Amino acid sequence: MSISLPRRLSEQETIEMAYDLFLEQAMDNLDPADVLLFNLQFEEIGGAEIVPTGSDWSEFAPFLAQNPACAEVVIGLAPDENADIDQIFARVLISRHFTGSPEYAVRWRE
């Protein structure tokens, strides 16, 4: 039996985990048109990146919002490959202190 010890996720691991969670849940939480738009354009102008944690998380996910080990990852589309993401499909607040299963909250595009 292998026991995984808690560890801090790198920025890349944090982004990848948030993106995987997004993909697992997008069909159930986004409009079908948004899923289609994202899937068609992600290869060219899509992305996921860590951004400063928004102040609005304290009402939505108070436990995670107070955790200094958390990072906010935005997932969406940009106007072009050199621009910032401006069409956000999901914001994921995720703990970088990984203990075997992710602690996270997702705010979906409305």
PDB file of N, CA and C in Angstrom:
ATOM      1  N   MET A   1       0.838  -1.170   0.000  1.00  0.00           N
ATOM      2  CA  MET A   1       0.000   0.000   0.000  1.00  0.00           C
ATOM      3  C   MET A   1       0.886   1.238   0.000  1.00  0.00           C
ATOM      4  N   SER A   2       0.614   2.134  -0.904  1.00  0.00           N
ATOM      5  CA  SER A   2       1.395   3.363  -1.035  1.00  0.00           C
ATOM      6  C   SER A   2       0.631   4.530  -0.419  1.00  0.00           C
ATOM      7  N   ILE A   3       1.298   5.267   0.440  1.00  0.00           N
ATOM      8  CA  ILE A   3       0.693   6.433   1.068  1.00  0.00           C
ATOM      9  C   ILE A   3       1.332   7.668   0.453  1.00  0.00           C
ATOM     10  N   SER A   4       0.491   8.554  -0.065  1.00  0.00           N
ATOM     11  CA  SER A   4       1.061   9.769  -0.647  1.00  0.00           C
ATOM     12  C   SER A   4       1.142  10.847   0.429  1.00  0.00           C
ATOM     13  N   LEU A   5       2.307  11.422   0.548  1.00  0.00           N
ATOM     14  CA  LEU A   5       2.532  12.468   1.529  1.00  0.00           C
ATOM     15  C   LEU A   5       2.053  13.798   0.971  1.00  0.00           C
ATOM     16  N   PRO A   6       1.557  14.671   1.839  1.00  0.00           N
ATOM     17  CA  PRO A   6       1.163  15.998   1.363  1.00  0.00           C
ATOM     18  C   PRO A   6       2.357  16.705   0.728  1.00  0.00           C
ATOM     19  N   ARG A   7       2.082  17.445  -0.329  1.00  0.00           N
ATOM     20  CA  ARG A   7       3.135  18.203  -0.991  1.00  0.00           C
ATOM     21  C   ARG A   7       2.519  19.434  -1.633  1.00  0.00           C
ATOM     22  N   ARG A   8       3.370  20.398  -1.947  1.00  0.00           N
ATOM     23  CA  ARG A   8       2.910  21.625  -2.602  1.00  0.00           C
ATOM     24  C   ARG A   8       2.992  21.431  -4.112  1.00  0.00           C
ATOM     25  N   LEU A   9       1.878  21.689  -4.786  1.00  0.00           N
ATOM     26  CA  LEU A   9       1.844  21.588  -6.239  1.00  0.00           C
ATOM     27  C   LEU A   9       2.602  22.751  -6.870  1.00  0.00           C
ATOM     28  N   SER A  10       3.306  22.474  -7.945  1.00  0.00           N
ATOM     29  CA  SER A  10       3.949  23.543  -8.714  1.00  0.00           C
ATOM     30  C   SER A  10       2.849  24.344  -9.423  1.00  0.00           C
ATOM     31  N   GLU A  11       3.215  25.484  -9.982  1.00  0.00           N
ATOM     32  CA  GLU A  11       2.231  26.269 -10.736  1.00  0.00           C
ATOM     33  C   GLU A  11       1.686  25.451 -11.903  1.00  0.00           C
ATOM     34  N   GLN A  12       2.554  24.750 -12.618  1.00  0.00           N
ATOM     35  CA  GLN A  12       2.111  23.954 -13.762  1.00  0.00           C
ATOM     36  C   GLN A  12       1.170  22.831 -13.326  1.00  0.00           C
ATOM     37  N   GLU A  13       1.493  22.147 -12.238  1.00  0.00           N
ATOM     38  CA  GLU A  13       0.619  21.082 -11.730  1.00  0.00           C
ATOM     39  C   GLU A  13      -0.733  21.645 -11.299  1.00  0.00           C
ATOM     40  N   THR A  14      -0.720  22.828 -10.702  1.00  0.00           N
ATOM     41  CA  THR A  14      -1.957  23.474 -10.264  1.00  0.00           C
ATOM     42  C   THR A  14      -2.841  23.788 -11.465  1.00  0.00           C
ATOM     43  N   ILE A  15      -2.256  24.348 -12.505  1.00  0.00           N
ATOM     44  CA  ILE A  15      -3.003  24.667 -13.723  1.00  0.00           C
ATOM     45  C   ILE A  15      -3.548  23.395 -14.363  1.00  0.00           C
ATOM     46  N   GLU A  16      -2.727  22.360 -14.461  1.00  0.00           N
ATOM     47  CA  GLU A  16      -3.164  21.103 -15.077  1.00  0.00           C
ATOM     48  C   GLU A  16      -4.298  20.456 -14.288  1.00  0.00           C
ATOM     49  N   MET A  17      -4.207  20.479 -12.960  1.00  0.00           N
ATOM     50  CA  MET A  17      -5.257  19.881 -12.143  1.00  0.00           C
ATOM     51  C   MET A  17      -6.561  20.670 -12.291  1.00  0.00           C
ATOM     52  N   ALA A  18      -6.470  21.996 -12.281  1.00  0.00           N
ATOM     53  CA  ALA A  18      -7.662  22.828 -12.456  1.00  0.00           C
ATOM     54  C   ALA A  18      -8.288  22.581 -13.830  1.00  0.00           C
ATOM     55  N   TYR A  19      -7.465  22.463 -14.850  1.00  0.00           N
ATOM     56  CA  TYR A  19      -7.968  22.216 -16.202  1.00  0.00           C
ATOM     57  C   TYR A  19      -8.641  20.841 -16.291  1.00  0.00           C
ATOM     58  N   ASP A  20      -8.048  19.833 -15.684  1.00  0.00           N
ATOM     59  CA  ASP A  20      -8.661  18.498 -15.672  1.00  0.00           C
ATOM     60  C   ASP A  20     -10.026  18.531 -14.979  1.00  0.00           C
ATOM     61  N   LEU A  21     -10.119  19.239 -13.854  1.00  0.00           N
ATOM     62  CA  LEU A  21     -11.400  19.371 -13.147  1.00  0.00           C
ATOM     63  C   LEU A  21     -12.422  20.092 -14.026  1.00  0.00           C
ATOM     64  N   PHE A  22     -11.976  21.125 -14.719  1.00  0.00           N
ATOM     65  CA  PHE A  22     -12.838  21.849 -15.653  1.00  0.00           C
ATOM     66  C   PHE A  22     -13.386  20.898 -16.718  1.00  0.00           C
ATOM     67  N   LEU A  23     -12.513  20.131 -17.354  1.00  0.00           N
ATOM     68  CA  LEU A  23     -12.948  19.224 -18.419  1.00  0.00           C
ATOM     69  C   LEU A  23     -13.938  18.183 -17.913  1.00  0.00           C
ATOM     70  N   GLU A  24     -13.715  17.678 -16.701  1.00  0.00           N
ATOM     71  CA  GLU A  24     -14.612  16.672 -16.125  1.00  0.00           C
ATOM     72  C   GLU A  24     -16.017  17.217 -15.898  1.00  0.00           C
ATOM     73  N   GLN A  25     -16.138  18.508 -15.606  1.00  0.00           N
ATOM     74  CA  GLN A  25     -17.417  19.067 -15.176  1.00  0.00           C
ATOM     75  C   GLN A  25     -18.059  20.042 -16.162  1.00  0.00           C
ATOM     76  N   ALA A  26     -17.367  20.407 -17.217  1.00  0.00           N
ATOM     77  CA  ALA A  26     -17.860  21.449 -18.124  1.00  0.00           C
ATOM     78  C   ALA A  26     -19.202  21.100 -18.762  1.00  0.00           C
ATOM     79  N   MET A  27     -19.378  19.885 -19.207  1.00  0.00           N
ATOM     80  CA  MET A  27     -20.624  19.492 -19.876  1.00  0.00           C
ATOM     81  C   MET A  27     -21.837  19.667 -18.964  1.00  0.00           C
ATOM     82  N   ASP A  28     -21.648  19.483 -17.674  1.00  0.00           N
ATOM     83  CA  ASP A  28     -22.759  19.590 -16.726  1.00  0.00           C
ATOM     84  C   ASP A  28     -22.994  21.013 -16.235  1.00  0.00           C
ATOM     85  N   ASN A  29     -22.055  21.922 -16.478  1.00  0.00           N
ATOM     86  CA  ASN A  29     -22.143  23.246 -15.874  1.00  0.00           C
ATOM     87  C   ASN A  29     -22.129  24.416 -16.853  1.00  0.00           C
ATOM     88  N   LEU A  30     -21.862  24.166 -18.110  1.00  0.00           N
ATOM     89  CA  LEU A  30     -21.862  25.225 -19.117  1.00  0.00           C
ATOM     90  C   LEU A  30     -22.971  24.972 -20.129  1.00  0.00           C
ATOM     91  N   ASP A  31     -23.420  26.042 -20.774  1.00  0.00           N
ATOM     92  CA  ASP A  31     -24.377  25.893 -21.868  1.00  0.00           C
ATOM     93  C   ASP A  31     -23.722  25.092 -22.986  1.00  0.00           C
ATOM     94  N   PRO A  32     -24.496  24.281 -23.709  1.00  0.00           N
ATOM     95  CA  PRO A  32     -23.924  23.518 -24.821  1.00  0.00           C
ATOM     96  C   PRO A  32     -23.202  24.405 -25.844  1.00  0.00           C
ATOM     97  N   ALA A  33     -23.716  25.605 -26.092  1.00  0.00           N
ATOM     98  CA  ALA A  33     -23.055  26.511 -27.043  1.00  0.00           C
ATOM     99  C   ALA A  33     -21.681  26.931 -26.530  1.00  0.00           C
ATOM    100  N   ASP A  34     -21.554  27.150 -25.220  1.00  0.00           N
ATOM    101  CA  ASP A  34     -20.254  27.518 -24.648  1.00  0.00           C
ATOM    102  C   ASP A  34     -19.263  26.360 -24.735  1.00  0.00           C
ATOM    103  N   VAL A  35     -19.744  25.152 -24.492  1.00  0.00           N
ATOM    104  CA  VAL A  35     -18.874  23.972 -24.595  1.00  0.00           C
ATOM    105  C   VAL A  35     -18.368  23.834 -26.027  1.00  0.00           C
ATOM    106  N   LEU A  36     -19.257  24.006 -26.990  1.00  0.00           N
ATOM    107  CA  LEU A  36     -18.876  23.909 -28.398  1.00  0.00           C
ATOM    108  C   LEU A  36     -17.868  25.000 -28.767  1.00  0.00           C
ATOM    109  N   LEU A  37     -18.142  26.240 -28.363  1.00  0.00           N
ATOM    110  CA  LEU A  37     -17.230  27.351 -28.639  1.00  0.00           C
ATOM    111  C   LEU A  37     -15.850  27.083 -28.045  1.00  0.00           C
ATOM    112  N   PHE A  38     -15.818  26.652 -26.795  1.00  0.00           N
ATOM    113  CA  PHE A  38     -14.548  26.371 -26.130  1.00  0.00           C
ATOM    114  C   PHE A  38     -13.784  25.271 -26.861  1.00  0.00           C
ATOM    115  N   ASN A  39     -14.472  24.175 -27.161  1.00  0.00           N
ATOM    116  CA  ASN A  39     -13.811  23.046 -27.825  1.00  0.00           C
ATOM    117  C   ASN A  39     -13.283  23.409 -29.210  1.00  0.00           C
ATOM    118  N   LEU A  40     -14.015  24.226 -29.946  1.00  0.00           N
ATOM    119  CA  LEU A  40     -13.586  24.602 -31.297  1.00  0.00           C
ATOM    120  C   LEU A  40     -12.400  25.559 -31.294  1.00  0.00           C
ATOM    121  N   GLN A  41     -12.307  26.410 -30.270  1.00  0.00           N
ATOM    122  CA  GLN A  41     -11.295  27.456 -30.299  1.00  0.00           C
ATOM    123  C   GLN A  41     -10.154  27.274 -29.305  1.00  0.00           C
ATOM    124  N   PHE A  42     -10.228  26.287 -28.432  1.00  0.00           N
ATOM    125  CA  PHE A  42      -9.210  26.169 -27.388  1.00  0.00           C
ATOM    126  C   PHE A  42      -7.806  25.981 -27.952  1.00  0.00           C
ATOM    127  N   GLU A  43      -7.651  25.145 -28.957  1.00  0.00           N
ATOM    128  CA  GLU A  43      -6.311  24.879 -29.513  1.00  0.00           C
ATOM    129  C   GLU A  43      -5.619  26.154 -29.982  1.00  0.00           C
ATOM    130  N   GLU A  44      -6.380  27.077 -30.559  1.00  0.00           N
ATOM    131  CA  GLU A  44      -5.784  28.291 -31.126  1.00  0.00           C
ATOM    132  C   GLU A  44      -5.667  29.430 -30.125  1.00  0.00           C
ATOM    133  N   ILE A  45      -6.728  29.674 -29.355  1.00  0.00           N
ATOM    134  CA  ILE A  45      -6.718  30.865 -28.496  1.00  0.00           C
ATOM    135  C   ILE A  45      -7.159  30.574 -27.066  1.00  0.00           C
ATOM    136  N   GLY A  46      -7.154  29.312 -26.680  1.00  0.00           N
ATOM    137  CA  GLY A  46      -7.570  28.966 -25.327  1.00  0.00           C
ATOM    138  C   GLY A  46      -6.404  28.909 -24.368  1.00  0.00           C
ATOM    139  N   GLY A  47      -6.734  28.942 -23.104  1.00  0.00           N
ATOM    140  CA  GLY A  47      -5.673  28.844 -22.116  1.00  0.00           C
ATOM    141  C   GLY A  47      -6.209  28.707 -20.708  1.00  0.00           C
ATOM    142  N   ALA A  48      -5.286  28.426 -19.814  1.00  0.00           N
ATOM    143  CA  ALA A  48      -5.558  28.363 -18.380  1.00  0.00           C
ATOM    144  C   ALA A  48      -4.352  28.992 -17.706  1.00  0.00           C
ATOM    145  N   GLU A  49      -4.615  29.891 -16.761  1.00  0.00           N
ATOM    146  CA  GLU A  49      -3.503  30.563 -16.100  1.00  0.00           C
ATOM    147  C   GLU A  49      -3.863  30.932 -14.673  1.00  0.00           C
ATOM    148  N   ILE A  50      -2.838  31.008 -13.841  1.00  0.00           N
ATOM    149  CA  ILE A  50      -3.020  31.449 -12.463  1.00  0.00           C
ATOM    150  C   ILE A  50      -3.100  32.969 -12.467  1.00  0.00           C
ATOM    151  N   VAL A  51      -4.089  33.481 -11.737  1.00  0.00           N
ATOM    152  CA  VAL A  51      -4.293  34.926 -11.613  1.00  0.00           C
ATOM    153  C   VAL A  51      -4.386  35.270 -10.127  1.00  0.00           C
ATOM    154  N   PRO A  52      -4.293  36.549  -9.778  1.00  0.00           N
ATOM    155  CA  PRO A  52      -4.498  36.912  -8.371  1.00  0.00           C
ATOM    156  C   PRO A  52      -5.889  36.463  -7.910  1.00  0.00           C
ATOM    157  N   THR A  53      -5.955  35.924  -6.719  1.00  0.00           N
ATOM    158  CA  THR A  53      -7.221  35.403  -6.197  1.00  0.00           C
ATOM    159  C   THR A  53      -8.218  36.534  -5.999  1.00  0.00           C
ATOM    160  N   GLY A  54      -9.409  36.361  -6.574  1.00  0.00           N
ATOM    161  CA  GLY A  54     -10.460  37.368  -6.469  1.00  0.00           C
ATOM    162  C   GLY A  54     -11.018  37.464  -5.057  1.00  0.00           C
ATOM    163  N   SER A  55     -11.468  38.651  -4.692  1.00  0.00           N
ATOM    164  CA  SER A  55     -12.007  38.872  -3.346  1.00  0.00           C
ATOM    165  C   SER A  55     -13.403  38.285  -3.181  1.00  0.00           C
ATOM    166  N   ASP A  56     -14.059  37.911  -4.270  1.00  0.00           N
ATOM    167  CA  ASP A  56     -15.423  37.390  -4.188  1.00  0.00           C
ATOM    168  C   ASP A  56     -15.506  35.923  -3.761  1.00  0.00           C
ATOM    169  N   TRP A  57     -14.385  35.264  -3.571  1.00  0.00           N
ATOM    170  CA  TRP A  57     -14.406  33.857  -3.162  1.00  0.00           C
ATOM    171  C   TRP A  57     -14.865  33.678  -1.720  1.00  0.00           C
ATOM    172  N   SER A  58     -14.729  34.680  -0.873  1.00  0.00           N
ATOM    173  CA  SER A  58     -15.032  34.508   0.553  1.00  0.00           C
ATOM    174  C   SER A  58     -16.492  34.131   0.791  1.00  0.00           C
ATOM    175  N   GLU A  59     -17.408  34.580  -0.056  1.00  0.00           N
ATOM    176  CA  GLU A  59     -18.817  34.200   0.090  1.00  0.00           C
ATOM    177  C   GLU A  59     -19.097  32.835  -0.528  1.00  0.00           C
ATOM    178  N   PHE A  60     -18.403  32.514  -1.590  1.00  0.00           N
ATOM    179  CA  PHE A  60     -18.669  31.295  -2.352  1.00  0.00           C
ATOM    180  C   PHE A  60     -17.977  30.068  -1.759  1.00  0.00           C
ATOM    181  N   ALA A  61     -16.754  30.234  -1.314  1.00  0.00           N
ATOM    182  CA  ALA A  61     -15.962  29.123  -0.766  1.00  0.00           C
ATOM    183  C   ALA A  61     -15.100  29.653   0.379  1.00  0.00           C
ATOM    184  N   PRO A  62     -15.724  29.982   1.531  1.00  0.00           N
ATOM    185  CA  PRO A  62     -14.983  30.650   2.608  1.00  0.00           C
ATOM    186  C   PRO A  62     -13.772  29.875   3.113  1.00  0.00           C
ATOM    187  N   PHE A  63     -13.868  28.551   3.230  1.00  0.00           N
ATOM    188  CA  PHE A  63     -12.740  27.775   3.739  1.00  0.00           C
ATOM    189  C   PHE A  63     -11.529  27.913   2.820  1.00  0.00           C
ATOM    190  N   LEU A  64     -11.746  27.760   1.527  1.00  0.00           N
ATOM    191  CA  LEU A  64     -10.641  27.864   0.572  1.00  0.00           C
ATOM    192  C   LEU A  64     -10.145  29.299   0.447  1.00  0.00           C
ATOM    193  N   ALA A  65     -11.056  30.256   0.501  1.00  0.00           N
ATOM    194  CA  ALA A  65     -10.671  31.662   0.334  1.00  0.00           C
ATOM    195  C   ALA A  65      -9.716  32.120   1.427  1.00  0.00           C
ATOM    196  N   GLN A  66      -9.804  31.519   2.598  1.00  0.00           N
ATOM    197  CA  GLN A  66      -8.940  31.899   3.712  1.00  0.00           C
ATOM    198  C   GLN A  66      -7.628  31.118   3.722  1.00  0.00           C
ATOM    199  N   ASN A  67      -7.485  30.186   2.814  1.00  0.00           N
ATOM    200  CA  ASN A  67      -6.308  29.329   2.772  1.00  0.00           C
ATOM    201  C   ASN A  67      -5.212  29.981   1.918  1.00  0.00           C
ATOM    202  N   PRO A  68      -4.085  30.363   2.524  1.00  0.00           N
ATOM    203  CA  PRO A  68      -3.026  31.016   1.743  1.00  0.00           C
ATOM    204  C   PRO A  68      -2.364  30.090   0.719  1.00  0.00           C
ATOM    205  N   ALA A  69      -2.608  28.788   0.816  1.00  0.00           N
ATOM    206  CA  ALA A  69      -2.020  27.847  -0.139  1.00  0.00           C
ATOM    207  C   ALA A  69      -2.873  27.691  -1.393  1.00  0.00           C
ATOM    208  N   CYS A  70      -3.948  28.476  -1.511  1.00  0.00           N
ATOM    209  CA  CYS A  70      -4.826  28.361  -2.679  1.00  0.00           C
ATOM    210  C   CYS A  70      -4.391  29.284  -3.804  1.00  0.00           C
ATOM    211  N   ALA A  71      -4.742  28.870  -5.004  1.00  0.00           N
ATOM    212  CA  ALA A  71      -4.486  29.670  -6.198  1.00  0.00           C
ATOM    213  C   ALA A  71      -5.761  29.700  -7.027  1.00  0.00           C
ATOM    214  N   GLU A  72      -5.970  30.805  -7.721  1.00  0.00           N
ATOM    215  CA  GLU A  72      -7.100  30.902  -8.644  1.00  0.00           C
ATOM    216  C   GLU A  72      -6.585  30.688 -10.061  1.00  0.00           C
ATOM    217  N   VAL A  73      -7.260  29.796 -10.779  1.00  0.00           N
ATOM    218  CA  VAL A  73      -6.923  29.508 -12.172  1.00  0.00           C
ATOM    219  C   VAL A  73      -8.129  29.892 -13.022  1.00  0.00           C
ATOM    220  N   VAL A  74      -7.905  30.710 -14.042  1.00  0.00           N
ATOM    221  CA  VAL A  74      -8.975  31.022 -14.988  1.00  0.00           C
ATOM    222  C   VAL A  74      -8.765  30.185 -16.244  1.00  0.00           C
ATOM    223  N   ILE A  75      -9.890  29.751 -16.815  1.00  0.00           N
ATOM    224  CA  ILE A  75      -9.857  28.909 -18.008  1.00  0.00           C
ATOM    225  C   ILE A  75     -10.784  29.552 -19.031  1.00  0.00           C
ATOM    226  N   GLY A  76     -10.258  29.799 -20.220  1.00  0.00           N
ATOM    227  CA  GLY A  76     -11.090  30.445 -21.224  1.00  0.00           C
ATOM    228  C   GLY A  76     -10.368  30.703 -22.526  1.00  0.00           C
ATOM    229  N   LEU A  77     -10.842  31.738 -23.230  1.00  0.00           N
ATOM    230  CA  LEU A  77     -10.321  32.095 -24.545  1.00  0.00           C
ATOM    231  C   LEU A  77      -9.817  33.532 -24.533  1.00  0.00           C
ATOM    232  N   ALA A  78      -8.831  33.803 -25.363  1.00  0.00           N
ATOM    233  CA  ALA A  78      -8.270  35.146 -25.514  1.00  0.00           C
ATOM    234  C   ALA A  78      -8.539  35.629 -26.942  1.00  0.00           C
ATOM    235  N   PRO A  79      -8.490  36.941 -27.166  1.00  0.00           N
ATOM    236  CA  PRO A  79      -8.713  37.442 -28.527  1.00  0.00           C
ATOM    237  C   PRO A  79      -7.686  36.919 -29.535  1.00  0.00           C
ATOM    238  N   ASP A  80      -6.466  36.691 -29.071  1.00  0.00           N
ATOM    239  CA  ASP A  80      -5.437  36.082 -29.910  1.00  0.00           C
ATOM    240  C   ASP A  80      -4.411  35.421 -28.991  1.00  0.00           C
ATOM    241  N   GLU A  81      -3.442  34.741 -29.583  1.00  0.00           N
ATOM    242  CA  GLU A  81      -2.505  33.946 -28.778  1.00  0.00           C
ATOM    243  C   GLU A  81      -1.593  34.773 -27.885  1.00  0.00           C
ATOM    244  N   ASN A  82      -1.489  36.077 -28.123  1.00  0.00           N
ATOM    245  CA  ASN A  82      -0.622  36.930 -27.307  1.00  0.00           C
ATOM    246  C   ASN A  82      -1.378  37.753 -26.267  1.00  0.00           C
ATOM    247  N   ALA A  83      -2.687  37.618 -26.214  1.00  0.00           N
ATOM    248  CA  ALA A  83      -3.509  38.433 -25.317  1.00  0.00           C
ATOM    249  C   ALA A  83      -3.892  37.657 -24.056  1.00  0.00           C
ATOM    250  N   ASP A  84      -4.376  38.397 -23.072  1.00  0.00           N
ATOM    251  CA  ASP A  84      -4.890  37.779 -21.851  1.00  0.00           C
ATOM    252  C   ASP A  84      -6.248  37.143 -22.123  1.00  0.00           C
ATOM    253  N   ILE A  85      -6.594  36.166 -21.315  1.00  0.00           N
ATOM    254  CA  ILE A  85      -7.896  35.510 -21.412  1.00  0.00           C
ATOM    255  C   ILE A  85      -8.975  36.531 -21.058  1.00  0.00           C
ATOM    256  N   ASP A  86      -9.944  36.720 -21.971  1.00  0.00           N
ATOM    257  CA  ASP A  86     -11.026  37.659 -21.686  1.00  0.00           C
ATOM    258  C   ASP A  86     -12.407  37.006 -21.728  1.00  0.00           C
ATOM    259  N   GLN A  87     -12.506  35.806 -22.276  1.00  0.00           N
ATOM    260  CA  GLN A  87     -13.753  35.039 -22.223  1.00  0.00           C
ATOM    261  C   GLN A  87     -13.533  33.913 -21.224  1.00  0.00           C
ATOM    262  N   ILE A  88     -13.927  34.143 -20.001  1.00  0.00           N
ATOM    263  CA  ILE A  88     -13.664  33.172 -18.940  1.00  0.00           C
ATOM    264  C   ILE A  88     -14.847  32.214 -18.825  1.00  0.00           C
ATOM    265  N   PHE A  89     -14.562  30.925 -18.967  1.00  0.00           N
ATOM    266  CA  PHE A  89     -15.579  29.893 -18.861  1.00  0.00           C
ATOM    267  C   PHE A  89     -15.660  29.333 -17.447  1.00  0.00           C
ATOM    268  N   ALA A  90     -14.546  29.368 -16.724  1.00  0.00           N
ATOM    269  CA  ALA A  90     -14.548  28.906 -15.333  1.00  0.00           C
ATOM    270  C   ALA A  90     -13.394  29.545 -14.581  1.00  0.00           C
ATOM    271  N   ARG A  91     -13.644  29.773 -13.299  1.00  0.00           N
ATOM    272  CA  ARG A  91     -12.605  30.198 -12.360  1.00  0.00           C
ATOM    273  C   ARG A  91     -12.525  29.084 -11.321  1.00  0.00           C
ATOM    274  N   VAL A  92     -11.340  28.573 -11.115  1.00  0.00           N
ATOM    275  CA  VAL A  92     -11.143  27.463 -10.183  1.00  0.00           C
ATOM    276  C   VAL A  92     -10.246  27.942  -9.047  1.00  0.00           C
ATOM    277  N   LEU A  93     -10.755  27.829  -7.828  1.00  0.00           N
ATOM    278  CA  LEU A  93      -9.945  28.103  -6.643  1.00  0.00           C
ATOM    279  C   LEU A  93      -9.506  26.744  -6.127  1.00  0.00           C
ATOM    280  N   ILE A  94      -8.212  26.515  -6.091  1.00  0.00           N
ATOM    281  CA  ILE A  94      -7.696  25.186  -5.776  1.00  0.00           C
ATOM    282  C   ILE A  94      -6.539  25.287  -4.792  1.00  0.00           C
ATOM    283  N   SER A  95      -6.524  24.367  -3.852  1.00  0.00           N
ATOM    284  CA  SER A  95      -5.433  24.334  -2.883  1.00  0.00           C
ATOM    285  C   SER A  95      -4.197  23.731  -3.536  1.00  0.00           C
ATOM    286  N   ARG A  96      -3.073  24.399  -3.352  1.00  0.00           N
ATOM    287  CA  ARG A  96      -1.805  23.875  -3.867  1.00  0.00           C
ATOM    288  C   ARG A  96      -1.183  22.898  -2.874  1.00  0.00           C
ATOM    289  N   HIS A  97      -1.787  22.754  -1.703  1.00  0.00           N
ATOM    290  CA  HIS A  97      -1.342  21.777  -0.704  1.00  0.00           C
ATOM    291  C   HIS A  97      -2.096  20.483  -1.016  1.00  0.00           C
ATOM    292  N   PHE A  98      -1.449  19.583  -1.742  1.00  0.00           N
ATOM    293  CA  PHE A  98      -2.109  18.384  -2.256  1.00  0.00           C
ATOM    294  C   PHE A  98      -1.905  17.214  -1.307  1.00  0.00           C
ATOM    295  N   THR A  99      -3.016  16.605  -0.894  1.00  0.00           N
ATOM    296  CA  THR A  99      -2.967  15.482   0.042  1.00  0.00           C
ATOM    297  C   THR A  99      -3.519  14.195  -0.560  1.00  0.00           C
ATOM    298  N   GLY A 100      -3.736  14.158  -1.844  1.00  0.00           N
ATOM    299  CA  GLY A 100      -4.234  12.947  -2.482  1.00  0.00           C
ATOM    300  C   GLY A 100      -5.480  13.187  -3.309  1.00  0.00           C
ATOM    301  N   SER A 101      -6.331  14.098  -2.878  1.00  0.00           N
ATOM    302  CA  SER A 101      -7.474  14.502  -3.694  1.00  0.00           C
ATOM    303  C   SER A 101      -7.582  16.022  -3.607  1.00  0.00           C
ATOM    304  N   PRO A 102      -7.957  16.652  -4.706  1.00  0.00           N
ATOM    305  CA  PRO A 102      -7.936  18.115  -4.731  1.00  0.00           C
ATOM    306  C   PRO A 102      -9.032  18.745  -3.875  1.00  0.00           C
ATOM    307  N   GLU A 103      -8.683  19.850  -3.230  1.00  0.00           N
ATOM    308  CA  GLU A 103      -9.656  20.704  -2.556  1.00  0.00           C
ATOM    309  C   GLU A 103      -9.846  21.890  -3.477  1.00  0.00           C
ATOM    310  N   TYR A 104     -11.088  22.108  -3.915  1.00  0.00           N
ATOM    311  CA  TYR A 104     -11.307  23.153  -4.907  1.00  0.00           C
ATOM    312  C   TYR A 104     -12.763  23.622  -4.910  1.00  0.00           C
ATOM    313  N   ALA A 105     -12.983  24.742  -5.556  1.00  0.00           N
ATOM    314  CA  ALA A 105     -14.319  25.259  -5.847  1.00  0.00           C
ATOM    315  C   ALA A 105     -14.257  25.847  -7.251  1.00  0.00           C
ATOM    316  N   VAL A 106     -15.375  25.781  -7.966  1.00  0.00           N
ATOM    317  CA  VAL A 106     -15.422  26.291  -9.334  1.00  0.00           C
ATOM    318  C   VAL A 106     -16.557  27.300  -9.456  1.00  0.00           C
ATOM    319  N   ARG A 107     -16.266  28.423 -10.073  1.00  0.00           N
ATOM    320  CA  ARG A 107     -17.296  29.404 -10.443  1.00  0.00           C
ATOM    321  C   ARG A 107     -17.405  29.350 -11.958  1.00  0.00           C
ATOM    322  N   TRP A 108     -18.579  28.954 -12.421  1.00  0.00           N
ATOM    323  CA  TRP A 108     -18.808  28.759 -13.849  1.00  0.00           C
ATOM    324  C   TRP A 108     -19.334  30.023 -14.502  1.00  0.00           C
ATOM    325  N   ARG A 109     -19.081  30.138 -15.786  1.00  0.00           N
ATOM    326  CA  ARG A 109     -19.615  31.244 -16.586  1.00  0.00           C
ATOM    327  C   ARG A 109     -21.136  31.219 -16.485  1.00  0.00           C
ATOM    328  N   GLU A 110     -21.704  32.387 -16.325  1.00  0.00           N
ATOM    329  CA  GLU A 110     -23.178  32.451 -16.224  1.00  0.00           C
ATOM    330  C   GLU A 110     -23.786  32.912 -17.518  1.00  0.00           C
TER     331      GLU A 110
END
